[in-house]
C-alpha cells in the first residue's frame, strides 16, 4: 500500500507544489492536493491548516507544505496538535527529522530551493521511518508533553 501524501501551498509555492506532485505521480504515490490551485494571492495558513488536518486526522500519513521561505508554513503547522513539521532544504535534515523526531510534515521554501533538490528532500523524507530508539522515544515524549501543556 502506497503512503498517502497531503500537499499544499500558497501562491508562492504553487509552481514547486505542481512539480512535486508530478514527481509523486511518476512514483505512483497517492496525493491529496488541498490547494492552492493557481498563482492568485492566498494566505498560507489556510493551506497549512488543510495539510495539517489531513495528517492529524489520518487522511494522509505525511504532508508537504510550501510557501516562499517555508518558515511561515512551518510555524503555522507546528501549532496544530499532533503535527511535527520541519523546514528542510537538505536531505540529511529531511530524513533525520523523521528518524529522530518523528517529523510528519516537510516544509519547503519555493524561493530557496529548486525542483531537483526539493525532490531529493521529498524522497529522503518519504523514505525515512522513525527509529523507535529509546533516546528518540524519550525525547519525543518530552516534546509531546510540552504540546499537551499548551
Protein backbone atom coordinates (compact mmCIF):
# COMPACT_ATOMS: atom_id res chain seq x y z
CA UNK A 1 0.00 0.00 0.00
CA UNK A 2 1.34 3.38 -1.02
CA UNK A 3 1.85 6.13 1.53
CA UNK A 4 -0.77 8.87 1.05
CA UNK A 5 0.79 12.33 0.99
CA UNK A 6 -1.14 15.56 1.57
CA UNK A 7 0.35 18.56 -0.22
CA UNK A 8 -0.49 22.24 -0.16
CA UNK A 9 0.97 25.64 -0.83
CA UNK A 10 0.27 29.31 -1.08
CA UNK A 11 0.64 31.17 -4.38
CA UNK A 12 4.43 31.49 -3.97
CA UNK A 13 4.79 27.73 -3.61
CA UNK A 14 2.27 26.81 -6.31
CA UNK A 15 4.71 26.02 -9.15
CA UNK A 16 7.02 23.92 -6.96
CA UNK A 17 3.97 22.14 -5.48
CA UNK A 18 2.90 21.20 -9.00
CA UNK A 19 6.40 19.94 -9.83
CA UNK A 20 6.48 17.82 -6.65
CA UNK A 21 3.01 16.45 -7.46
CA UNK A 22 4.30 15.39 -10.88
CA UNK A 23 7.30 13.68 -9.26
CA UNK A 24 4.98 11.92 -6.79
CA UNK A 25 2.69 10.78 -9.62
CA UNK A 26 5.68 9.37 -11.51
CA UNK A 27 6.45 7.32 -8.38
CA UNK A 28 2.82 6.14 -8.17
CA UNK A 29 2.29 7.93 -4.85
CA UNK A 30 -1.24 8.73 -3.73
CA UNK A 31 -1.54 12.52 -3.36
CA UNK A 32 -4.17 14.61 -1.59
CA UNK A 33 -3.79 18.14 -3.03
CA UNK A 34 -5.51 20.64 -0.74
CA UNK A 35 -4.60 23.67 -2.88
CA UNK A 36 -3.94 26.35 -3.80
CA UNK A 37 -4.69 25.72 -7.44
CA UNK A 38 -3.27 28.87 -9.06
CA UNK A 39 -0.80 31.73 -8.56
CA UNK A 40 -3.58 34.05 -7.35
CA UNK A 41 -2.61 35.54 -3.95
CA UNK A 42 -3.84 33.50 -0.96
CA UNK A 43 -2.92 33.16 2.72
CA UNK A 44 -0.56 30.29 3.59
CA UNK A 45 -2.19 29.47 6.96
CA UNK A 46 -5.32 28.24 5.17
CA UNK A 47 -3.43 25.61 3.18
CA UNK A 48 -1.14 24.75 6.06
CA UNK A 49 -4.17 24.00 8.21
CA UNK A 50 -5.65 21.84 5.45
CA UNK A 51 -2.49 19.70 5.15
CA UNK A 52 -2.03 19.55 8.92
CA UNK A 53 -5.63 18.47 9.43
CA UNK A 54 -5.29 15.75 6.79
CA UNK A 55 -2.23 14.34 8.59
CA UNK A 56 -3.69 14.77 12.08
CA UNK A 57 -6.96 13.09 11.04
CA UNK A 58 -5.10 10.21 9.28
CA UNK A 59 -6.39 11.11 5.81
CA UNK A 60 -2.69 11.17 4.87
CA UNK A 61 0.36 9.60 6.50
CA UNK A 62 2.66 12.54 5.71
CA UNK A 63 2.37 16.09 4.45
CA UNK A 64 4.34 18.58 2.37
CA UNK A 65 3.68 22.32 2.55
CA UNK A 66 5.31 25.09 0.55
CA UNK A 67 5.49 28.87 0.72
CA UNK A 68 8.16 31.36 -0.35
CA UNK A 69 10.59 30.67 2.51
CA UNK A 70 9.00 27.65 4.21
CA UNK A 71 9.16 29.49 7.53
CA UNK A 72 5.55 30.68 7.77
CA UNK A 73 4.08 27.30 6.91
CA UNK A 74 6.42 25.58 9.36
CA UNK A 75 5.46 27.93 12.19
CA UNK A 76 1.76 27.52 11.41
CA UNK A 77 1.88 23.73 11.04
CA UNK A 78 3.60 23.32 14.39
CA UNK A 79 0.64 24.97 16.10
CA UNK A 80 -1.62 22.08 15.06
CA UNK A 81 -1.76 19.37 17.75
CA UNK A 82 -0.08 16.18 16.60
CA UNK A 83 1.91 17.87 13.86
CA UNK A 84 5.70 17.86 13.83
CA UNK A 85 6.76 19.95 10.85
CA UNK A 86 10.32 20.63 9.82
CA UNK A 87 11.72 23.13 7.34
CA UNK A 88 14.33 21.24 5.32
CA UNK A 89 16.38 22.25 2.33
CA UNK A 90 18.84 19.34 2.56
CA UNK A 91 18.37 15.59 2.51
CA UNK A 92 20.07 14.93 5.85
CA UNK A 93 17.57 17.09 7.75
CA UNK A 94 14.68 15.62 5.75
CA UNK A 95 15.40 12.02 6.73
CA UNK A 96 16.85 12.67 10.18
CA UNK A 97 13.79 14.74 11.14
CA UNK A 98 11.70 11.61 10.62
CA UNK A 99 14.19 9.10 12.05
CA UNK A 100 14.90 11.03 15.26
CA UNK A 101 11.93 13.38 15.75
CA UNK A 102 9.04 11.54 14.02
CA UNK A 103 8.51 14.54 11.71
CA UNK A 104 5.28 14.10 9.79
CA UNK A 105 5.26 17.25 7.65
CA UNK A 106 8.04 18.57 5.43
CA UNK A 107 8.01 22.29 4.69
CA UNK A 108 9.91 23.81 1.80
CA UNK A 109 10.66 27.33 0.61
CA UNK A 110 9.99 27.68 -3.10
CA UNK A 111 12.21 30.77 -3.34
CA UNK A 112 15.02 28.96 -1.51
CA UNK A 113 15.22 25.55 -3.19
CA UNK A 114 14.83 24.38 -6.79
CA UNK A 115 12.76 21.48 -8.09
CA UNK A 116 15.51 18.83 -8.16
CA UNK A 117 16.89 19.49 -4.65
CA UNK A 118 13.30 19.77 -3.38
CA UNK A 119 12.51 16.36 -4.88
CA UNK A 120 15.63 14.88 -3.24
CA UNK A 121 14.38 16.21 0.11
CA UNK A 122 10.92 14.75 -0.53
CA UNK A 123 12.43 11.34 -1.37
CA UNK A 124 14.54 11.42 1.81
CA UNK A 125 11.52 12.49 3.90
CA UNK A 126 9.11 9.90 2.49
CA UNK A 127 11.69 7.10 2.59
CA UNK A 128 12.54 7.58 6.26
CA UNK A 129 10.93 5.91 9.26
CA UNK A 130 11.03 6.79 12.94
CA UNK A 131 13.83 4.78 14.55
CA UNK A 132 11.97 3.94 17.74
CA UNK A 133 15.29 4.05 19.62
CA UNK A 134 14.83 4.67 23.34
CA UNK A 135 16.52 8.08 23.32
CA UNK A 136 14.35 9.29 20.44
CA UNK A 137 11.18 7.91 22.02
CA UNK A 138 12.14 9.66 25.28
CA UNK A 139 12.75 12.98 23.50
CA UNK A 140 9.54 12.69 21.51
CA UNK A 141 7.65 12.04 24.75
CA UNK A 142 9.08 15.24 26.21
CA UNK A 143 8.06 17.16 23.09
CA UNK A 144 4.53 15.76 23.29
CA UNK A 145 4.35 16.66 26.99
CA UNK A 146 5.20 20.27 26.15
CA UNK A 147 2.50 20.23 23.46
CA UNK A 148 -0.06 18.85 25.96
CA UNK A 149 0.74 21.62 28.44
CA UNK A 150 -0.23 24.01 25.63
